[in-house]
């Protein structure tokens, strides 16, 4: 792994330190995550994955009934 020095304005440095502390990770790790996200390399995080999870596994089987009850129209 290579070391790189980056000069940041004070306000950006403060935001970086605050976010790293909030997430309990190092500043270097946060920098790597941000660069990977921006440059498209390495791992990707899909923050919305699973956000609509209902906890049920029969939704696809019941979709017609669900839509009918939500829209309120008969088949």
PDB file of N, CA and C in Angstrom:
ATOM      1  N   UNK A   1       0.852  -1.166   0.000  1.00  0.00           N
ATOM      2  CA  UNK A   1       0.000   0.000   0.000  1.00  0.00           C
ATOM      3  C   UNK A   1       0.903   1.237   0.000  1.00  0.00           C
ATOM      4  N   UNK A   2       0.488   2.252  -0.749  1.00  0.00           N
ATOM      5  CA  UNK A   2       1.280   3.471  -0.851  1.00  0.00           C
ATOM      6  C   UNK A   2       0.695   4.560   0.028  1.00  0.00           C
ATOM      7  N   UNK A   3       1.558   5.439   0.476  1.00  0.00           N
ATOM      8  CA  UNK A   3       1.143   6.583   1.279  1.00  0.00           C
ATOM      9  C   UNK A   3       1.018   7.791   0.365  1.00  0.00           C
ATOM     10  N   UNK A   4      -0.054   8.553   0.544  1.00  0.00           N
ATOM     11  CA  UNK A   4      -0.288   9.764  -0.239  1.00  0.00           C
ATOM     12  C   UNK A   4      -0.649  10.892   0.711  1.00  0.00           C
ATOM     13  N   UNK A   5      -0.090  12.052   0.460  1.00  0.00           N
ATOM     14  CA  UNK A   5      -0.409  13.226   1.263  1.00  0.00           C
ATOM     15  C   UNK A   5      -1.403  14.082   0.499  1.00  0.00           C
ATOM     16  N   UNK A   6      -2.445  14.500   1.187  1.00  0.00           N
ATOM     17  CA  UNK A   6      -3.478  15.331   0.581  1.00  0.00           C
ATOM     18  C   UNK A   6      -3.668  16.566   1.451  1.00  0.00           C
ATOM     19  N   UNK A   7      -3.663  17.730   0.822  1.00  0.00           N
ATOM     20  CA  UNK A   7      -3.900  18.972   1.553  1.00  0.00           C
ATOM     21  C   UNK A   7      -5.380  19.310   1.448  1.00  0.00           C
ATOM     22  N   UNK A   8      -6.016  19.543   2.603  1.00  0.00           N
ATOM     23  CA  UNK A   8      -7.445  19.828   2.660  1.00  0.00           C
ATOM     24  C   UNK A   8      -7.694  21.163   3.344  1.00  0.00           C
ATOM     25  N   UNK A   9      -8.734  21.862   2.918  1.00  0.00           N
ATOM     26  CA  UNK A   9      -9.143  23.055   3.661  1.00  0.00           C
ATOM     27  C   UNK A   9      -9.589  22.633   5.066  1.00  0.00           C
ATOM     28  N   UNK A  10      -9.471  23.539   6.022  1.00  0.00           N
ATOM     29  CA  UNK A  10      -9.798  23.219   7.413  1.00  0.00           C
ATOM     30  C   UNK A  10     -11.216  22.687   7.577  1.00  0.00           C
ATOM     31  N   UNK A  11     -12.177  23.275   6.879  1.00  0.00           N
ATOM     32  CA  UNK A  11     -13.568  22.834   7.048  1.00  0.00           C
ATOM     33  C   UNK A  11     -13.781  21.420   6.525  1.00  0.00           C
ATOM     34  N   UNK A  12     -13.130  21.059   5.427  1.00  0.00           N
ATOM     35  CA  UNK A  12     -13.254  19.706   4.887  1.00  0.00           C
ATOM     36  C   UNK A  12     -12.553  18.702   5.799  1.00  0.00           C
ATOM     37  N   UNK A  13     -11.416  19.088   6.343  1.00  0.00           N
ATOM     38  CA  UNK A  13     -10.698  18.233   7.285  1.00  0.00           C
ATOM     39  C   UNK A  13     -11.561  17.963   8.516  1.00  0.00           C
ATOM     40  N   UNK A  14     -12.237  18.981   9.009  1.00  0.00           N
ATOM     41  CA  UNK A  14     -13.106  18.818  10.176  1.00  0.00           C
ATOM     42  C   UNK A  14     -14.249  17.856   9.858  1.00  0.00           C
ATOM     43  N   UNK A  15     -14.851  17.985   8.680  1.00  0.00           N
ATOM     44  CA  UNK A  15     -15.936  17.073   8.272  1.00  0.00           C
ATOM     45  C   UNK A  15     -15.428  15.635   8.175  1.00  0.00           C
ATOM     46  N   UNK A  16     -14.240  15.482   7.606  1.00  0.00           N
ATOM     47  CA  UNK A  16     -13.642  14.159   7.456  1.00  0.00           C
ATOM     48  C   UNK A  16     -13.404  13.516   8.812  1.00  0.00           C
ATOM     49  N   UNK A  17     -12.827  14.256   9.733  1.00  0.00           N
ATOM     50  CA  UNK A  17     -12.543  13.731  11.071  1.00  0.00           C
ATOM     51  C   UNK A  17     -13.827  13.402  11.827  1.00  0.00           C
ATOM     52  N   UNK A  18     -14.815  14.268  11.688  1.00  0.00           N
ATOM     53  CA  UNK A  18     -16.087  14.037  12.358  1.00  0.00           C
ATOM     54  C   UNK A  18     -16.746  12.753  11.844  1.00  0.00           C
ATOM     55  N   UNK A  19     -16.778  12.562  10.523  1.00  0.00           N
ATOM     56  CA  UNK A  19     -17.401  11.377   9.934  1.00  0.00           C
ATOM     57  C   UNK A  19     -16.650  10.107  10.313  1.00  0.00           C
ATOM     58  N   UNK A  20     -15.325  10.168  10.304  1.00  0.00           N
ATOM     59  CA  UNK A  20     -14.534   8.992  10.703  1.00  0.00           C
ATOM     60  C   UNK A  20     -14.811   8.630  12.160  1.00  0.00           C
ATOM     61  N   UNK A  21     -14.879   9.623  13.024  1.00  0.00           N
ATOM     62  CA  UNK A  21     -15.172   9.368  14.437  1.00  0.00           C
ATOM     63  C   UNK A  21     -16.582   8.827  14.613  1.00  0.00           C
ATOM     64  N   UNK A  22     -17.536   9.390  13.875  1.00  0.00           N
ATOM     65  CA  UNK A  22     -18.921   8.951  13.971  1.00  0.00           C
ATOM     66  C   UNK A  22     -19.063   7.482  13.587  1.00  0.00           C
ATOM     67  N   UNK A  23     -18.303   7.060  12.565  1.00  0.00           N
ATOM     68  CA  UNK A  23     -18.384   5.684  12.071  1.00  0.00           C
ATOM     69  C   UNK A  23     -17.395   4.746  12.745  1.00  0.00           C
ATOM     70  N   UNK A  24     -16.578   5.281  13.654  1.00  0.00           N
ATOM     71  CA  UNK A  24     -15.574   4.488  14.384  1.00  0.00           C
ATOM     72  C   UNK A  24     -14.601   3.801  13.419  1.00  0.00           C
ATOM     73  N   UNK A  25     -14.139   4.560  12.422  1.00  0.00           N
ATOM     74  CA  UNK A  25     -13.125   4.052  11.498  1.00  0.00           C
ATOM     75  C   UNK A  25     -12.009   5.088  11.414  1.00  0.00           C
ATOM     76  N   UNK A  26     -10.893   4.687  10.836  1.00  0.00           N
ATOM     77  CA  UNK A  26      -9.776   5.625  10.709  1.00  0.00           C
ATOM     78  C   UNK A  26     -10.026   6.597   9.557  1.00  0.00           C
ATOM     79  N   UNK A  27      -9.331   7.709   9.613  1.00  0.00           N
ATOM     80  CA  UNK A  27      -9.423   8.694   8.534  1.00  0.00           C
ATOM     81  C   UNK A  27      -8.931   8.074   7.226  1.00  0.00           C
ATOM     82  N   UNK A  28      -7.879   7.267   7.307  1.00  0.00           N
ATOM     83  CA  UNK A  28      -7.347   6.611   6.107  1.00  0.00           C
ATOM     84  C   UNK A  28      -8.387   5.684   5.482  1.00  0.00           C
ATOM     85  N   UNK A  29      -9.111   4.946   6.332  1.00  0.00           N
ATOM     86  CA  UNK A  29     -10.133   4.042   5.805  1.00  0.00           C
ATOM     87  C   UNK A  29     -11.268   4.819   5.143  1.00  0.00           C
ATOM     88  N   UNK A  30     -11.681   5.910   5.765  1.00  0.00           N
ATOM     89  CA  UNK A  30     -12.729   6.735   5.173  1.00  0.00           C
ATOM     90  C   UNK A  30     -12.268   7.332   3.848  1.00  0.00           C
ATOM     91  N   UNK A  31     -11.026   7.779   3.789  1.00  0.00           N
ATOM     92  CA  UNK A  31     -10.470   8.295   2.533  1.00  0.00           C
ATOM     93  C   UNK A  31     -10.489   7.229   1.444  1.00  0.00           C
ATOM     94  N   UNK A  32     -10.075   6.009   1.793  1.00  0.00           N
ATOM     95  CA  UNK A  32     -10.069   4.930   0.800  1.00  0.00           C
ATOM     96  C   UNK A  32     -11.484   4.630   0.314  1.00  0.00           C
ATOM     97  N   UNK A  33     -12.447   4.569   1.239  1.00  0.00           N
ATOM     98  CA  UNK A  33     -13.838   4.312   0.838  1.00  0.00           C
ATOM     99  C   UNK A  33     -14.349   5.400  -0.098  1.00  0.00           C
ATOM    100  N   UNK A  34     -14.055   6.650   0.240  1.00  0.00           N
ATOM    101  CA  UNK A  34     -14.528   7.771  -0.582  1.00  0.00           C
ATOM    102  C   UNK A  34     -13.893   7.730  -1.971  1.00  0.00           C
ATOM    103  N   UNK A  35     -12.608   7.456  -2.032  1.00  0.00           N
ATOM    104  CA  UNK A  35     -11.929   7.393  -3.328  1.00  0.00           C
ATOM    105  C   UNK A  35     -12.434   6.212  -4.158  1.00  0.00           C
ATOM    106  N   UNK A  36     -12.649   5.069  -3.516  1.00  0.00           N
ATOM    107  CA  UNK A  36     -13.180   3.911  -4.239  1.00  0.00           C
ATOM    108  C   UNK A  36     -14.571   4.215  -4.783  1.00  0.00           C
ATOM    109  N   UNK A  37     -15.407   4.868  -3.982  1.00  0.00           N
ATOM    110  CA  UNK A  37     -16.756   5.211  -4.430  1.00  0.00           C
ATOM    111  C   UNK A  37     -16.701   6.210  -5.581  1.00  0.00           C
ATOM    112  N   UNK A  38     -15.834   7.193  -5.483  1.00  0.00           N
ATOM    113  CA  UNK A  38     -15.741   8.226  -6.509  1.00  0.00           C
ATOM    114  C   UNK A  38     -15.120   7.695  -7.803  1.00  0.00           C
ATOM    115  N   UNK A  39     -14.082   6.890  -7.665  1.00  0.00           N
ATOM    116  CA  UNK A  39     -13.363   6.406  -8.842  1.00  0.00           C
ATOM    117  C   UNK A  39     -13.916   5.088  -9.377  1.00  0.00           C
ATOM    118  N   UNK A  40     -14.807   4.454  -8.636  1.00  0.00           N
ATOM    119  CA  UNK A  40     -15.437   3.231  -9.111  1.00  0.00           C
ATOM    120  C   UNK A  40     -14.591   1.987  -8.977  1.00  0.00           C
ATOM    121  N   UNK A  41     -13.583   2.016  -8.175  1.00  0.00           N
ATOM    122  CA  UNK A  41     -12.747   0.830  -8.014  1.00  0.00           C
ATOM    123  C   UNK A  41     -13.094   0.069  -6.757  1.00  0.00           C
ATOM    124  N   UNK A  42     -12.682  -1.174  -6.718  1.00  0.00           N
ATOM    125  CA  UNK A  42     -12.850  -1.972  -5.510  1.00  0.00           C
ATOM    126  C   UNK A  42     -14.292  -2.286  -5.180  1.00  0.00           C
ATOM    127  N   UNK A  43     -14.551  -2.426  -3.898  1.00  0.00           N
ATOM    128  CA  UNK A  43     -15.890  -2.808  -3.452  1.00  0.00           C
ATOM    129  C   UNK A  43     -16.862  -1.649  -3.551  1.00  0.00           C
ATOM    130  N   UNK A  44     -18.112  -1.989  -3.705  1.00  0.00           N
ATOM    131  CA  UNK A  44     -19.166  -0.980  -3.764  1.00  0.00           C
ATOM    132  C   UNK A  44     -20.171  -1.270  -2.672  1.00  0.00           C
ATOM    133  N   UNK A  45     -20.690  -0.226  -2.086  1.00  0.00           N
ATOM    134  CA  UNK A  45     -21.724  -0.375  -1.083  1.00  0.00           C
ATOM    135  C   UNK A  45     -23.031   0.118  -1.665  1.00  0.00           C
ATOM    136  N   UNK A  46     -24.054  -0.667  -1.495  1.00  0.00           N
ATOM    137  CA  UNK A  46     -25.373  -0.261  -1.912  1.00  0.00           C
ATOM    138  C   UNK A  46     -26.158   0.025  -0.650  1.00  0.00           C
ATOM    139  N   UNK A  47     -26.166   1.292  -0.253  1.00  0.00           N
ATOM    140  CA  UNK A  47     -26.753   1.666   1.016  1.00  0.00           C
ATOM    141  C   UNK A  47     -28.253   1.431   1.063  1.00  0.00           C
ATOM    142  N   UNK A  48     -28.895   1.400  -0.095  1.00  0.00           N
ATOM    143  CA  UNK A  48     -30.343   1.204  -0.089  1.00  0.00           C
ATOM    144  C   UNK A  48     -30.731  -0.268  -0.139  1.00  0.00           C
ATOM    145  N   UNK A  49     -29.776  -1.161  -0.301  1.00  0.00           N
ATOM    146  CA  UNK A  49     -30.096  -2.584  -0.393  1.00  0.00           C
ATOM    147  C   UNK A  49     -30.794  -3.040   0.875  1.00  0.00           C
ATOM    148  N   UNK A  50     -31.943  -3.644   0.710  1.00  0.00           N
ATOM    149  CA  UNK A  50     -32.688  -4.155   1.847  1.00  0.00           C
ATOM    150  C   UNK A  50     -33.532  -3.120   2.561  1.00  0.00           C
ATOM    151  N   UNK A  51     -33.539  -1.890   2.080  1.00  0.00           N
ATOM    152  CA  UNK A  51     -34.277  -0.848   2.791  1.00  0.00           C
ATOM    153  C   UNK A  51     -35.777  -1.043   2.720  1.00  0.00           C
ATOM    154  N   UNK A  52     -36.269  -1.747   1.714  1.00  0.00           N
ATOM    155  CA  UNK A  52     -37.696  -1.983   1.600  1.00  0.00           C
ATOM    156  C   UNK A  52     -38.107  -3.367   2.083  1.00  0.00           C
ATOM    157  N   UNK A  53     -37.247  -4.009   2.821  1.00  0.00           N
ATOM    158  CA  UNK A  53     -37.475  -5.367   3.279  1.00  0.00           C
ATOM    159  C   UNK A  53     -38.695  -5.432   4.187  1.00  0.00           C
ATOM    160  N   UNK A  54     -39.601  -6.343   3.864  1.00  0.00           N
ATOM    161  CA  UNK A  54     -40.832  -6.459   4.631  1.00  0.00           C
ATOM    162  C   UNK A  54     -40.745  -7.534   5.703  1.00  0.00           C
ATOM    163  N   UNK A  55     -39.789  -8.432   5.567  1.00  0.00           N
ATOM    164  CA  UNK A  55     -39.700  -9.538   6.501  1.00  0.00           C
ATOM    165  C   UNK A  55     -40.534 -10.736   6.070  1.00  0.00           C
ATOM    166  N   UNK A  56     -41.216 -10.604   4.949  1.00  0.00           N
ATOM    167  CA  UNK A  56     -42.053 -11.697   4.438  1.00  0.00           C
ATOM    168  C   UNK A  56     -41.388 -12.286   3.203  1.00  0.00           C
ATOM    169  N   UNK A  57     -41.581 -13.577   3.002  1.00  0.00           N
ATOM    170  CA  UNK A  57     -40.969 -14.215   1.840  1.00  0.00           C
ATOM    171  C   UNK A  57     -41.999 -14.664   0.807  1.00  0.00           C
ATOM    172  N   UNK A  58     -43.264 -14.258   0.972  1.00  0.00           N
ATOM    173  CA  UNK A  58     -44.299 -14.694   0.041  1.00  0.00           C
ATOM    174  C   UNK A  58     -44.879 -13.539  -0.788  1.00  0.00           C
ATOM    175  N   UNK A  59     -44.189 -12.419  -0.832  1.00  0.00           N
ATOM    176  CA  UNK A  59     -44.708 -11.233  -1.515  1.00  0.00           C
ATOM    177  C   UNK A  59     -44.965 -11.514  -3.000  1.00  0.00           C
ATOM    178  N   UNK A  60     -44.032 -12.179  -3.665  1.00  0.00           N
ATOM    179  CA  UNK A  60     -44.216 -12.423  -5.102  1.00  0.00           C
ATOM    180  C   UNK A  60     -45.411 -13.329  -5.363  1.00  0.00           C
ATOM    181  N   UNK A  61     -45.715 -14.210  -4.424  1.00  0.00           N
ATOM    182  CA  UNK A  61     -46.865 -15.106  -4.592  1.00  0.00           C
ATOM    183  C   UNK A  61     -48.187 -14.375  -4.316  1.00  0.00           C
ATOM    184  N   UNK A  62     -48.128 -13.328  -3.481  1.00  0.00           N
ATOM    185  CA  UNK A  62     -49.346 -12.624  -3.085  1.00  0.00           C
ATOM    186  C   UNK A  62     -49.506 -11.262  -3.757  1.00  0.00           C
ATOM    187  N   UNK A  63     -48.703 -10.950  -4.750  1.00  0.00           N
ATOM    188  CA  UNK A  63     -48.674  -9.599  -5.313  1.00  0.00           C
ATOM    189  C   UNK A  63     -50.039  -9.135  -5.824  1.00  0.00           C
ATOM    190  N   UNK A  64     -50.797 -10.014  -6.454  1.00  0.00           N
ATOM    191  CA  UNK A  64     -52.116  -9.627  -6.966  1.00  0.00           C
ATOM    192  C   UNK A  64     -53.037  -9.213  -5.822  1.00  0.00           C
ATOM    193  N   UNK A  65     -53.044  -9.989  -4.739  1.00  0.00           N
ATOM    194  CA  UNK A  65     -53.879  -9.648  -3.585  1.00  0.00           C
ATOM    195  C   UNK A  65     -53.433  -8.338  -2.938  1.00  0.00           C
ATOM    196  N   UNK A  66     -52.130  -8.159  -2.847  1.00  0.00           N
ATOM    197  CA  UNK A  66     -51.599  -6.926  -2.250  1.00  0.00           C
ATOM    198  C   UNK A  66     -51.985  -5.715  -3.071  1.00  0.00           C
ATOM    199  N   UNK A  67     -51.795  -5.791  -4.383  1.00  0.00           N
ATOM    200  CA  UNK A  67     -52.155  -4.665  -5.247  1.00  0.00           C
ATOM    201  C   UNK A  67     -53.645  -4.386  -5.210  1.00  0.00           C
ATOM    202  N   UNK A  68     -54.430  -5.439  -5.202  1.00  0.00           N
ATOM    203  CA  UNK A  68     -55.889  -5.284  -5.153  1.00  0.00           C
ATOM    204  C   UNK A  68     -56.292  -4.559  -3.870  1.00  0.00           C
ATOM    205  N   UNK A  69     -55.699  -4.921  -2.752  1.00  0.00           N
ATOM    206  CA  UNK A  69     -56.055  -4.289  -1.480  1.00  0.00           C
ATOM    207  C   UNK A  69     -55.552  -2.840  -1.416  1.00  0.00           C
ATOM    208  N   UNK A  70     -54.415  -2.566  -2.023  1.00  0.00           N
ATOM    209  CA  UNK A  70     -53.862  -1.200  -2.008  1.00  0.00           C
ATOM    210  C   UNK A  70     -54.636  -0.268  -2.934  1.00  0.00           C
ATOM    211  N   UNK A  71     -54.971  -0.748  -4.104  1.00  0.00           N
ATOM    212  CA  UNK A  71     -55.668   0.081  -5.100  1.00  0.00           C
ATOM    213  C   UNK A  71     -57.170   0.094  -4.827  1.00  0.00           C
ATOM    214  N   UNK A  72     -57.679  -0.998  -4.290  1.00  0.00           N
ATOM    215  CA  UNK A  72     -59.075  -1.066  -3.942  1.00  0.00           C
ATOM    216  C   UNK A  72     -59.992  -1.411  -5.100  1.00  0.00           C
ATOM    217  N   UNK A  73     -59.446  -2.034  -6.139  1.00  0.00           N
ATOM    218  CA  UNK A  73     -60.280  -2.428  -7.281  1.00  0.00           C
ATOM    219  C   UNK A  73     -60.417  -3.933  -7.330  1.00  0.00           C
ATOM    220  N   UNK A  74     -61.505  -4.394  -7.825  1.00  0.00           N
ATOM    221  CA  UNK A  74     -61.740  -5.839  -7.966  1.00  0.00           C
ATOM    222  C   UNK A  74     -61.152  -6.311  -9.284  1.00  0.00           C
ATOM    223  N   UNK A  75     -60.802  -7.596  -9.371  1.00  0.00           N
ATOM    224  CA  UNK A  75     -60.221  -8.123 -10.616  1.00  0.00           C
ATOM    225  C   UNK A  75     -61.192  -8.146 -11.768  1.00  0.00           C
TER     226      UNK A  75
END
